[in-house]
């Protein structure tokens, strides 16, 4: 999906307000001096307050469904602002799509 490339300091949140962060698997691909997200990176969600009844069901990770079709870093597809992701609980139950609020505006990919 076309869109601006996601980078280390992008602000992404789960649908319930938890913060999405990633641990880069590489440091070679950068935009504006910051490492870009790829499907190979470990993505974690912290601070998600979601409950189902009395049971906590916080988002803990993001699975990227449609990363960039054309751009790769070290063989892994990059994540763009237009990429579709799905926040998952620890039991891998889909919780909704992550929301991107801050991203670099210089580099666009597809």
N, C-alpha and C. Protein backbone atom coordinates (compact mmCIF):
# COMPACT_ATOMS: atom_id res chain seq x y z
N UNK A 1 0.84 -1.18 0.00
CA UNK A 1 0.00 0.00 0.00
C UNK A 1 0.89 1.25 0.00
N UNK A 2 0.55 2.24 -0.80
CA UNK A 2 1.37 3.45 -0.83
C UNK A 2 1.21 4.28 0.44
N UNK A 3 2.25 5.00 0.76
CA UNK A 3 2.21 5.88 1.92
C UNK A 3 3.62 6.22 2.37
N UNK A 4 3.70 7.08 3.35
CA UNK A 4 4.99 7.47 3.91
C UNK A 4 5.58 6.28 4.66
N UNK A 5 6.90 6.10 4.58
CA UNK A 5 7.56 4.99 5.26
C UNK A 5 7.54 5.21 6.77
N UNK A 6 7.22 4.13 7.51
CA UNK A 6 7.23 4.18 8.97
C UNK A 6 8.68 4.15 9.44
N UNK A 7 8.97 4.84 10.54
CA UNK A 7 10.33 4.94 11.06
C UNK A 7 10.34 4.76 12.57
N UNK A 8 11.51 4.71 13.13
CA UNK A 8 11.69 4.43 14.55
C UNK A 8 10.86 5.33 15.47
N UNK A 9 10.76 6.60 15.18
CA UNK A 9 10.04 7.52 16.07
C UNK A 9 8.61 7.83 15.63
N UNK A 10 8.04 7.01 14.77
CA UNK A 10 6.63 7.19 14.39
C UNK A 10 5.76 6.94 15.62
N UNK A 11 4.64 7.65 15.70
CA UNK A 11 3.70 7.44 16.80
C UNK A 11 2.54 6.60 16.29
N UNK A 12 2.46 5.38 16.82
CA UNK A 12 1.42 4.43 16.43
C UNK A 12 0.79 3.91 17.71
N UNK A 13 -0.54 3.81 17.70
CA UNK A 13 -1.27 3.35 18.88
C UNK A 13 -2.25 2.24 18.50
N UNK A 14 -2.55 1.39 19.48
CA UNK A 14 -3.58 0.38 19.26
C UNK A 14 -4.94 1.08 19.35
N UNK A 15 -6.04 0.44 18.97
CA UNK A 15 -7.34 1.11 19.00
C UNK A 15 -7.80 1.53 20.39
N UNK A 16 -7.13 1.02 21.44
CA UNK A 16 -7.54 1.32 22.81
C UNK A 16 -6.61 2.30 23.50
N UNK A 17 -5.60 2.80 22.78
CA UNK A 17 -4.71 3.82 23.32
C UNK A 17 -3.35 3.32 23.77
N UNK A 18 -3.06 2.03 23.58
CA UNK A 18 -1.73 1.50 23.91
C UNK A 18 -0.70 1.95 22.89
N UNK A 19 0.52 2.11 23.31
CA UNK A 19 1.59 2.58 22.43
C UNK A 19 2.26 1.40 21.73
N UNK A 20 2.41 1.53 20.41
CA UNK A 20 3.07 0.51 19.60
C UNK A 20 4.52 0.93 19.40
N UNK A 21 5.44 0.00 19.68
CA UNK A 21 6.87 0.25 19.48
C UNK A 21 7.44 -0.93 18.71
N UNK A 22 8.61 -0.72 18.13
CA UNK A 22 9.23 -1.83 17.43
C UNK A 22 10.71 -1.90 17.74
N UNK A 23 11.23 -3.10 17.68
CA UNK A 23 12.64 -3.36 17.84
C UNK A 23 13.18 -3.70 16.46
N UNK A 24 14.01 -2.85 15.90
CA UNK A 24 14.48 -3.10 14.53
C UNK A 24 15.35 -4.35 14.43
N UNK A 25 15.16 -5.07 13.34
CA UNK A 25 15.99 -6.25 13.06
C UNK A 25 17.20 -5.86 12.21
N UNK A 26 17.22 -4.62 11.76
CA UNK A 26 18.31 -4.11 10.93
C UNK A 26 18.49 -2.62 11.20
N UNK A 27 19.63 -2.07 10.82
CA UNK A 27 19.86 -0.64 11.01
C UNK A 27 20.34 0.03 9.73
N UNK A 28 20.28 -0.68 8.62
CA UNK A 28 20.79 -0.14 7.36
C UNK A 28 19.78 0.74 6.64
N UNK A 29 18.52 0.38 6.67
CA UNK A 29 17.50 1.17 5.97
C UNK A 29 17.02 2.31 6.83
N UNK A 30 17.28 3.54 6.37
CA UNK A 30 16.87 4.71 7.16
C UNK A 30 16.17 5.74 6.28
N UNK A 31 15.30 6.52 6.92
CA UNK A 31 14.71 7.71 6.30
C UNK A 31 14.88 8.84 7.31
N UNK A 32 15.31 9.98 6.83
CA UNK A 32 15.61 11.14 7.68
C UNK A 32 16.45 10.74 8.89
N UNK A 33 17.38 9.80 8.68
CA UNK A 33 18.28 9.37 9.74
C UNK A 33 17.70 8.39 10.74
N UNK A 34 16.49 7.91 10.52
CA UNK A 34 15.85 6.99 11.46
C UNK A 34 15.57 5.65 10.78
N UNK A 35 15.74 4.57 11.50
CA UNK A 35 15.55 3.22 10.98
C UNK A 35 14.08 3.02 10.58
N UNK A 36 13.84 2.38 9.42
CA UNK A 36 12.48 2.11 8.96
C UNK A 36 11.97 0.79 9.52
N UNK A 37 10.64 0.68 9.63
CA UNK A 37 9.99 -0.55 10.09
C UNK A 37 9.93 -1.54 8.95
N UNK A 38 10.15 -2.81 9.25
CA UNK A 38 9.96 -3.88 8.28
C UNK A 38 9.11 -4.98 8.92
N UNK A 39 8.64 -5.91 8.12
CA UNK A 39 7.84 -7.02 8.67
C UNK A 39 8.68 -7.94 9.54
N UNK A 40 10.01 -7.87 9.45
CA UNK A 40 10.89 -8.71 10.26
C UNK A 40 11.10 -8.16 11.66
N UNK A 41 10.68 -6.93 11.92
CA UNK A 41 10.90 -6.30 13.22
C UNK A 41 9.91 -6.82 14.27
N UNK A 42 10.35 -6.87 15.51
CA UNK A 42 9.50 -7.25 16.63
C UNK A 42 8.65 -6.04 17.01
N UNK A 43 7.35 -6.17 16.93
CA UNK A 43 6.43 -5.08 17.25
C UNK A 43 5.70 -5.41 18.55
N UNK A 44 5.73 -4.49 19.52
CA UNK A 44 5.07 -4.71 20.80
C UNK A 44 4.13 -3.54 21.11
N UNK A 45 3.09 -3.85 21.89
CA UNK A 45 2.13 -2.84 22.34
C UNK A 45 2.20 -2.81 23.86
N UNK A 46 2.33 -1.61 24.42
CA UNK A 46 2.35 -1.45 25.87
C UNK A 46 1.27 -0.48 26.30
N UNK A 47 0.72 -0.70 27.46
CA UNK A 47 -0.25 0.23 28.03
C UNK A 47 -1.66 0.11 27.49
N UNK A 48 -2.00 -1.00 26.86
CA UNK A 48 -3.36 -1.19 26.35
C UNK A 48 -4.28 -1.57 27.50
N UNK A 49 -5.37 -0.79 27.72
CA UNK A 49 -6.24 -1.04 28.86
C UNK A 49 -7.46 -1.92 28.55
N UNK A 50 -7.49 -2.60 27.40
CA UNK A 50 -8.70 -3.30 26.95
C UNK A 50 -9.07 -4.48 27.84
N UNK A 51 -10.37 -4.57 28.16
CA UNK A 51 -10.96 -5.67 28.93
C UNK A 51 -12.13 -6.24 28.17
N UNK A 52 -12.38 -7.54 28.31
CA UNK A 52 -13.60 -8.18 27.82
C UNK A 52 -14.28 -8.75 29.05
N UNK A 53 -15.37 -8.13 29.47
CA UNK A 53 -16.00 -8.50 30.74
C UNK A 53 -15.05 -8.16 31.87
N UNK A 54 -14.68 -9.16 32.67
CA UNK A 54 -13.74 -8.96 33.76
C UNK A 54 -12.33 -9.43 33.42
N UNK A 55 -12.14 -9.89 32.18
CA UNK A 55 -10.85 -10.44 31.78
C UNK A 55 -10.04 -9.42 31.00
N UNK A 56 -8.80 -9.15 31.42
CA UNK A 56 -7.95 -8.27 30.62
C UNK A 56 -7.61 -8.93 29.29
N UNK A 57 -7.73 -8.18 28.20
CA UNK A 57 -7.40 -8.66 26.85
C UNK A 57 -6.59 -7.59 26.13
N UNK A 58 -5.49 -7.13 26.71
CA UNK A 58 -4.76 -6.04 26.08
C UNK A 58 -4.10 -6.46 24.77
N UNK A 59 -3.95 -5.50 23.88
CA UNK A 59 -3.17 -5.72 22.67
C UNK A 59 -1.71 -5.87 23.09
N UNK A 60 -1.00 -6.84 22.50
CA UNK A 60 0.41 -7.04 22.86
C UNK A 60 1.33 -7.00 21.65
N UNK A 61 0.79 -7.16 20.45
CA UNK A 61 1.61 -7.14 19.25
C UNK A 61 0.79 -6.68 18.05
N UNK A 62 1.48 -6.39 16.96
CA UNK A 62 0.82 -6.01 15.70
C UNK A 62 1.31 -6.95 14.61
N UNK A 63 0.37 -7.50 13.87
CA UNK A 63 0.70 -8.32 12.71
C UNK A 63 0.40 -7.48 11.48
N UNK A 64 1.40 -7.27 10.62
CA UNK A 64 1.22 -6.46 9.42
C UNK A 64 0.73 -7.34 8.29
N UNK A 65 -0.44 -7.02 7.76
CA UNK A 65 -1.11 -7.83 6.74
C UNK A 65 -0.66 -7.43 5.33
N UNK A 66 -0.60 -6.13 5.06
CA UNK A 66 -0.21 -5.65 3.73
C UNK A 66 0.94 -4.66 3.83
N UNK A 67 2.18 -5.15 3.90
CA UNK A 67 3.32 -4.25 3.88
C UNK A 67 3.56 -3.73 2.47
N UNK A 68 4.63 -3.00 2.29
CA UNK A 68 4.99 -2.47 0.97
C UNK A 68 5.19 -3.61 -0.02
N UNK A 69 4.67 -3.42 -1.22
CA UNK A 69 4.81 -4.45 -2.26
C UNK A 69 6.13 -4.33 -3.00
N UNK A 70 6.74 -3.15 -2.98
CA UNK A 70 7.92 -2.92 -3.81
C UNK A 70 9.21 -2.63 -3.06
N UNK A 71 9.13 -2.13 -1.85
CA UNK A 71 10.34 -1.70 -1.15
C UNK A 71 10.71 -2.73 -0.08
N UNK A 72 11.99 -3.11 -0.10
CA UNK A 72 12.51 -4.06 0.88
C UNK A 72 13.81 -3.53 1.46
N UNK A 73 14.06 -3.89 2.71
CA UNK A 73 15.33 -3.59 3.36
C UNK A 73 15.87 -4.91 3.88
N UNK A 74 17.06 -5.28 3.43
CA UNK A 74 17.65 -6.58 3.79
C UNK A 74 16.70 -7.73 3.50
N UNK A 75 15.92 -7.62 2.43
CA UNK A 75 15.01 -8.68 2.03
C UNK A 75 13.65 -8.65 2.68
N UNK A 76 13.42 -7.77 3.64
CA UNK A 76 12.13 -7.68 4.33
C UNK A 76 11.32 -6.50 3.82
N UNK A 77 10.04 -6.70 3.62
CA UNK A 77 9.16 -5.62 3.16
C UNK A 77 9.04 -4.55 4.23
N UNK A 78 9.05 -3.28 3.80
CA UNK A 78 8.91 -2.17 4.75
C UNK A 78 7.43 -1.92 5.04
N UNK A 79 7.19 -1.23 6.14
CA UNK A 79 5.84 -0.85 6.55
C UNK A 79 5.65 0.61 6.18
N UNK A 80 4.53 0.92 5.52
CA UNK A 80 4.20 2.30 5.17
C UNK A 80 2.98 2.73 5.95
N UNK A 81 2.68 4.02 5.87
CA UNK A 81 1.50 4.54 6.55
C UNK A 81 0.23 3.89 5.98
N UNK A 82 0.27 3.47 4.74
CA UNK A 82 -0.88 2.82 4.12
C UNK A 82 -0.97 1.33 4.36
N UNK A 83 0.04 0.75 5.04
CA UNK A 83 0.02 -0.68 5.33
C UNK A 83 -1.11 -1.02 6.30
N UNK A 84 -1.69 -2.19 6.11
CA UNK A 84 -2.76 -2.66 6.98
C UNK A 84 -2.15 -3.55 8.05
N UNK A 85 -2.48 -3.27 9.29
CA UNK A 85 -2.02 -4.08 10.40
C UNK A 85 -3.18 -4.50 11.28
N UNK A 86 -2.92 -5.46 12.15
CA UNK A 86 -3.95 -5.96 13.06
C UNK A 86 -3.33 -6.13 14.44
N UNK A 87 -3.86 -5.42 15.42
CA UNK A 87 -3.40 -5.57 16.80
C UNK A 87 -3.96 -6.88 17.35
N UNK A 88 -3.12 -7.62 18.06
CA UNK A 88 -3.51 -8.92 18.58
C UNK A 88 -3.28 -8.98 20.08
N UNK A 89 -4.15 -9.75 20.77
CA UNK A 89 -3.96 -10.01 22.19
C UNK A 89 -2.92 -11.11 22.36
N UNK A 90 -2.59 -11.45 23.60
CA UNK A 90 -1.63 -12.52 23.86
C UNK A 90 -2.14 -13.86 23.34
N UNK A 91 -3.45 -13.99 23.21
CA UNK A 91 -4.07 -15.22 22.70
C UNK A 91 -4.27 -15.15 21.18
N UNK A 92 -3.68 -14.15 20.55
CA UNK A 92 -3.77 -13.91 19.10
C UNK A 92 -5.20 -13.63 18.63
N UNK A 93 -5.98 -12.98 19.49
CA UNK A 93 -7.33 -12.56 19.13
C UNK A 93 -7.24 -11.17 18.51
N UNK A 94 -7.77 -10.97 17.30
CA UNK A 94 -7.72 -9.65 16.66
C UNK A 94 -8.46 -8.61 17.49
N UNK A 95 -7.83 -7.43 17.66
CA UNK A 95 -8.40 -6.36 18.48
C UNK A 95 -8.72 -5.11 17.68
N UNK A 96 -8.29 -5.03 16.44
CA UNK A 96 -8.52 -3.85 15.62
C UNK A 96 -7.23 -3.37 14.97
N UNK A 97 -7.36 -2.36 14.15
CA UNK A 97 -6.22 -1.83 13.39
C UNK A 97 -5.44 -0.79 14.20
N UNK A 98 -4.10 -0.77 14.05
CA UNK A 98 -3.32 0.28 14.70
C UNK A 98 -3.57 1.63 14.03
N UNK A 99 -3.40 2.70 14.81
CA UNK A 99 -3.62 4.05 14.30
C UNK A 99 -2.29 4.80 14.28
N UNK A 100 -1.97 5.39 13.14
CA UNK A 100 -0.74 6.16 12.97
C UNK A 100 -1.07 7.64 13.14
N UNK A 101 -0.37 8.32 14.07
CA UNK A 101 -0.67 9.75 14.25
C UNK A 101 0.50 10.64 13.89
N UNK A 102 1.74 10.18 14.03
CA UNK A 102 2.90 10.99 13.66
C UNK A 102 3.84 10.13 12.82
N UNK A 103 4.27 10.67 11.69
CA UNK A 103 5.17 9.94 10.79
C UNK A 103 5.98 10.95 9.98
N UNK A 104 7.14 10.53 9.51
CA UNK A 104 7.95 11.43 8.67
C UNK A 104 7.21 11.70 7.36
N UNK A 105 7.43 12.86 6.80
CA UNK A 105 6.68 13.29 5.61
C UNK A 105 7.51 13.37 4.34
N UNK A 106 8.76 12.92 4.36
CA UNK A 106 9.64 13.09 3.20
C UNK A 106 9.69 11.91 2.26
N UNK A 107 9.64 10.68 2.78
CA UNK A 107 9.85 9.51 1.94
C UNK A 107 8.58 8.71 1.79
N UNK A 108 8.14 8.56 0.54
CA UNK A 108 6.91 7.83 0.23
C UNK A 108 7.28 6.58 -0.55
N UNK A 109 6.60 5.48 -0.25
CA UNK A 109 6.85 4.22 -0.96
C UNK A 109 5.56 3.51 -1.28
N UNK A 110 5.71 2.46 -2.06
CA UNK A 110 4.52 1.68 -2.43
C UNK A 110 4.81 0.21 -2.28
